[in-house]
N, C-alpha and C. Protein backbone atom coordinates (compact mmCIF):
# COMPACT_ATOMS: atom_id res chain seq x y z
N MET A 1 42.79 -19.23 5.10
CA MET A 1 42.32 -18.11 5.49
C MET A 1 41.55 -17.59 4.10
N CYS A 2 42.41 -17.79 2.92
CA CYS A 2 41.82 -17.34 1.83
C CYS A 2 40.51 -18.01 1.38
N GLN A 3 40.47 -19.36 1.62
CA GLN A 3 39.22 -20.04 1.38
C GLN A 3 38.09 -19.36 2.17
N ALA A 4 38.28 -19.10 3.29
CA ALA A 4 37.26 -18.60 4.13
C ALA A 4 36.80 -17.29 3.52
N VAL A 5 37.65 -16.33 3.07
CA VAL A 5 37.30 -15.36 2.53
C VAL A 5 36.25 -15.41 1.30
N ASP A 6 36.92 -16.52 0.45
CA ASP A 6 36.22 -16.79 -0.86
C ASP A 6 34.67 -17.32 -0.49
N GLU A 7 34.74 -18.00 0.48
CA GLU A 7 33.11 -18.63 1.09
C GLU A 7 32.36 -17.44 1.67
N MET A 8 32.97 -16.39 2.20
CA MET A 8 32.14 -15.31 2.73
C MET A 8 31.75 -14.47 1.55
N ILE A 9 32.50 -14.25 0.38
CA ILE A 9 32.15 -13.62 -0.76
C ILE A 9 31.17 -14.42 -1.39
N GLU A 10 31.13 -15.60 -1.53
CA GLU A 10 30.13 -16.52 -2.12
C GLU A 10 28.86 -16.40 -1.45
N ASP A 11 28.86 -16.45 -0.06
CA ASP A 11 27.80 -16.12 0.63
C ASP A 11 27.04 -15.11 0.40
N GLY A 12 27.85 -13.82 0.15
CA GLY A 12 27.26 -12.57 -0.01
C GLY A 12 26.77 -12.47 -1.41
N ARG A 13 27.34 -13.20 -2.30
CA ARG A 13 26.84 -13.17 -3.68
C ARG A 13 25.26 -13.96 -3.62
N ALA A 14 25.38 -15.19 -2.93
CA ALA A 14 24.13 -16.02 -2.92
C ALA A 14 22.95 -14.99 -2.21
N GLU A 15 23.20 -14.41 -1.08
CA GLU A 15 22.47 -13.66 -0.48
C GLU A 15 21.67 -12.45 -1.28
N GLY A 16 22.66 -11.82 -2.02
CA GLY A 16 22.13 -10.91 -2.97
C GLY A 16 21.27 -11.54 -4.25
N ARG A 17 21.71 -12.71 -4.72
CA ARG A 17 20.76 -13.20 -5.78
C ARG A 17 19.28 -13.35 -5.03
N ALA A 18 19.36 -14.10 -3.82
CA ALA A 18 18.21 -14.37 -3.12
C ALA A 18 17.43 -12.83 -2.97
N GLU A 19 18.05 -11.87 -2.51
CA GLU A 19 17.20 -10.65 -2.50
C GLU A 19 16.78 -10.28 -3.73
N GLY A 20 17.46 -10.47 -4.77
CA GLY A 20 17.22 -9.91 -6.08
C GLY A 20 16.01 -10.53 -6.54
N GLU A 21 16.01 -12.00 -6.34
CA GLU A 21 14.80 -12.78 -6.67
C GLU A 21 13.43 -12.39 -6.01
N LEU A 22 13.59 -12.13 -4.56
CA LEU A 22 12.54 -11.58 -3.77
C LEU A 22 11.90 -10.32 -4.55
N PHE A 23 12.94 -9.53 -4.72
CA PHE A 23 12.55 -7.96 -5.26
C PHE A 23 11.62 -8.31 -6.53
N GLY A 24 12.32 -9.35 -7.65
CA GLY A 24 11.69 -9.63 -8.80
C GLY A 24 10.18 -9.98 -8.60
N PHE A 25 10.04 -11.03 -7.66
CA PHE A 25 8.69 -11.49 -7.36
C PHE A 25 7.74 -10.59 -6.91
N ILE A 26 8.08 -9.93 -5.85
CA ILE A 26 7.38 -8.86 -5.14
C ILE A 26 6.94 -7.68 -6.25
N LYS A 27 7.86 -7.31 -7.13
CA LYS A 27 7.61 -6.30 -8.15
C LYS A 27 6.48 -7.01 -8.99
N ALA A 28 6.87 -8.11 -9.43
CA ALA A 28 5.66 -8.72 -10.54
C ALA A 28 4.34 -8.96 -9.82
N TYR A 29 4.32 -9.38 -8.57
CA TYR A 29 3.11 -9.59 -7.99
C TYR A 29 2.45 -7.99 -7.81
N THR A 30 3.26 -7.13 -7.36
CA THR A 30 2.64 -5.70 -7.08
C THR A 30 2.00 -5.21 -8.46
N GLY A 31 2.64 -5.49 -9.61
CA GLY A 31 2.10 -5.17 -10.93
C GLY A 31 0.67 -5.89 -11.06
N LEU A 32 0.49 -7.07 -10.83
CA LEU A 32 -0.67 -7.87 -10.95
C LEU A 32 -1.84 -7.34 -10.08
N ILE A 33 -1.32 -6.90 -8.89
CA ILE A 33 -2.34 -6.20 -7.83
C ILE A 33 -2.70 -5.13 -8.46
N LYS A 34 -1.93 -4.23 -8.98
CA LYS A 34 -2.34 -2.83 -9.48
C LYS A 34 -3.22 -3.01 -10.55
N ASP A 35 -3.05 -4.17 -11.44
CA ASP A 35 -3.96 -4.38 -12.59
C ASP A 35 -5.08 -5.07 -12.20
N GLY A 36 -5.45 -5.34 -10.85
CA GLY A 36 -6.70 -6.07 -10.43
C GLY A 36 -6.78 -7.49 -10.61
N LEU A 37 -5.69 -8.12 -10.90
CA LEU A 37 -5.68 -9.66 -11.48
C LEU A 37 -5.24 -10.41 -10.17
N LEU A 38 -4.93 -9.71 -9.16
CA LEU A 38 -4.50 -10.42 -7.98
C LEU A 38 -4.62 -9.65 -6.77
N SER A 39 -5.06 -10.38 -5.45
CA SER A 39 -5.14 -9.65 -4.30
C SER A 39 -3.94 -9.66 -3.47
N VAL A 40 -3.89 -8.86 -2.63
CA VAL A 40 -2.61 -8.82 -1.64
C VAL A 40 -2.76 -10.04 -0.84
N LYS A 41 -3.89 -10.58 -0.31
CA LYS A 41 -3.97 -11.85 0.22
C LYS A 41 -3.45 -12.91 -0.52
N GLU A 42 -3.89 -12.95 -1.80
CA GLU A 42 -3.42 -14.14 -2.61
C GLU A 42 -1.84 -14.10 -2.89
N ALA A 43 -1.31 -12.89 -3.19
CA ALA A 43 0.07 -12.67 -3.38
C ALA A 43 0.89 -13.13 -2.03
N ALA A 44 0.36 -12.65 -1.03
CA ALA A 44 1.28 -12.94 0.18
C ALA A 44 1.09 -14.50 0.37
N LEU A 45 -0.14 -15.10 0.16
CA LEU A 45 0.03 -16.72 0.38
C LEU A 45 1.06 -17.29 -0.85
N ARG A 46 1.02 -16.79 -2.00
CA ARG A 46 1.90 -17.25 -2.81
C ARG A 46 3.51 -17.10 -2.42
N MET A 47 3.66 -16.24 -1.79
CA MET A 47 4.95 -15.86 -1.42
C MET A 47 5.32 -16.40 0.02
N HIS A 48 4.33 -16.94 0.77
CA HIS A 48 4.46 -17.76 2.00
C HIS A 48 4.73 -16.62 3.07
N MET A 49 4.14 -15.47 3.02
CA MET A 49 4.24 -14.45 4.04
C MET A 49 2.75 -13.98 4.42
N THR A 50 2.75 -13.36 5.50
CA THR A 50 1.87 -12.65 6.05
C THR A 50 1.38 -11.44 5.08
N GLU A 51 0.38 -11.17 5.13
CA GLU A 51 -0.17 -9.80 4.18
C GLU A 51 0.53 -8.68 4.85
N GLU A 52 0.65 -8.61 6.03
CA GLU A 52 1.68 -7.41 6.59
C GLU A 52 3.17 -7.35 6.07
N LYS A 53 3.52 -8.46 6.02
CA LYS A 53 4.92 -8.73 5.54
C LYS A 53 5.06 -8.15 4.03
N PHE A 54 3.97 -8.94 3.25
CA PHE A 54 3.94 -8.59 1.96
C PHE A 54 3.84 -7.06 1.67
N VAL A 55 2.94 -6.42 2.31
CA VAL A 55 2.78 -5.03 1.99
C VAL A 55 3.98 -4.38 2.44
N GLU A 56 4.87 -4.77 3.52
CA GLU A 56 6.14 -4.02 3.77
C GLU A 56 7.08 -4.29 2.66
N GLU A 57 7.18 -5.52 2.12
CA GLU A 57 7.99 -5.94 1.14
C GLU A 57 7.58 -4.90 -0.14
N MET A 58 6.21 -4.68 -0.38
CA MET A 58 5.72 -4.10 -1.64
C MET A 58 6.38 -2.58 -1.48
N GLU A 59 6.30 -2.06 -0.27
CA GLU A 59 6.67 -0.71 -0.08
C GLU A 59 8.14 -0.49 -0.30
N LYS A 60 9.03 -1.40 0.07
CA LYS A 60 10.35 -1.38 -0.20
C LYS A 60 10.62 -1.34 -1.69
N VAL A 61 9.99 -2.24 -2.51
CA VAL A 61 10.11 -2.19 -3.86
C VAL A 61 9.74 -0.81 -4.56
N ASN A 62 8.56 -0.38 -4.00
CA ASN A 62 8.25 1.05 -4.73
C ASN A 62 9.10 2.04 -4.42
N GLU A 63 9.71 1.83 -3.16
CA GLU A 63 10.72 2.85 -2.94
C GLU A 63 12.02 2.90 -3.91
N LYS A 64 12.34 1.53 -4.30
CA LYS A 64 13.53 1.41 -5.12
C LYS A 64 13.22 1.58 -6.68
N SER A 65 11.74 1.56 -7.00
CA SER A 65 11.50 1.75 -8.35
C SER A 65 11.19 3.28 -8.81
């Protein structure tokens, strides 16, 4: 049972790291878009997302910043 709990905790940590990485990438691309160096379309392609999903994630980042 203890090993199962440890695995659940590690899964949560891994998920948190992945979310943090996503946040970082979206935030970086958002800055490039604001500076006119990258389009939303190009950023979405680089993140393997639709433009709509990328904009949704950008809005989440803007809310947290």
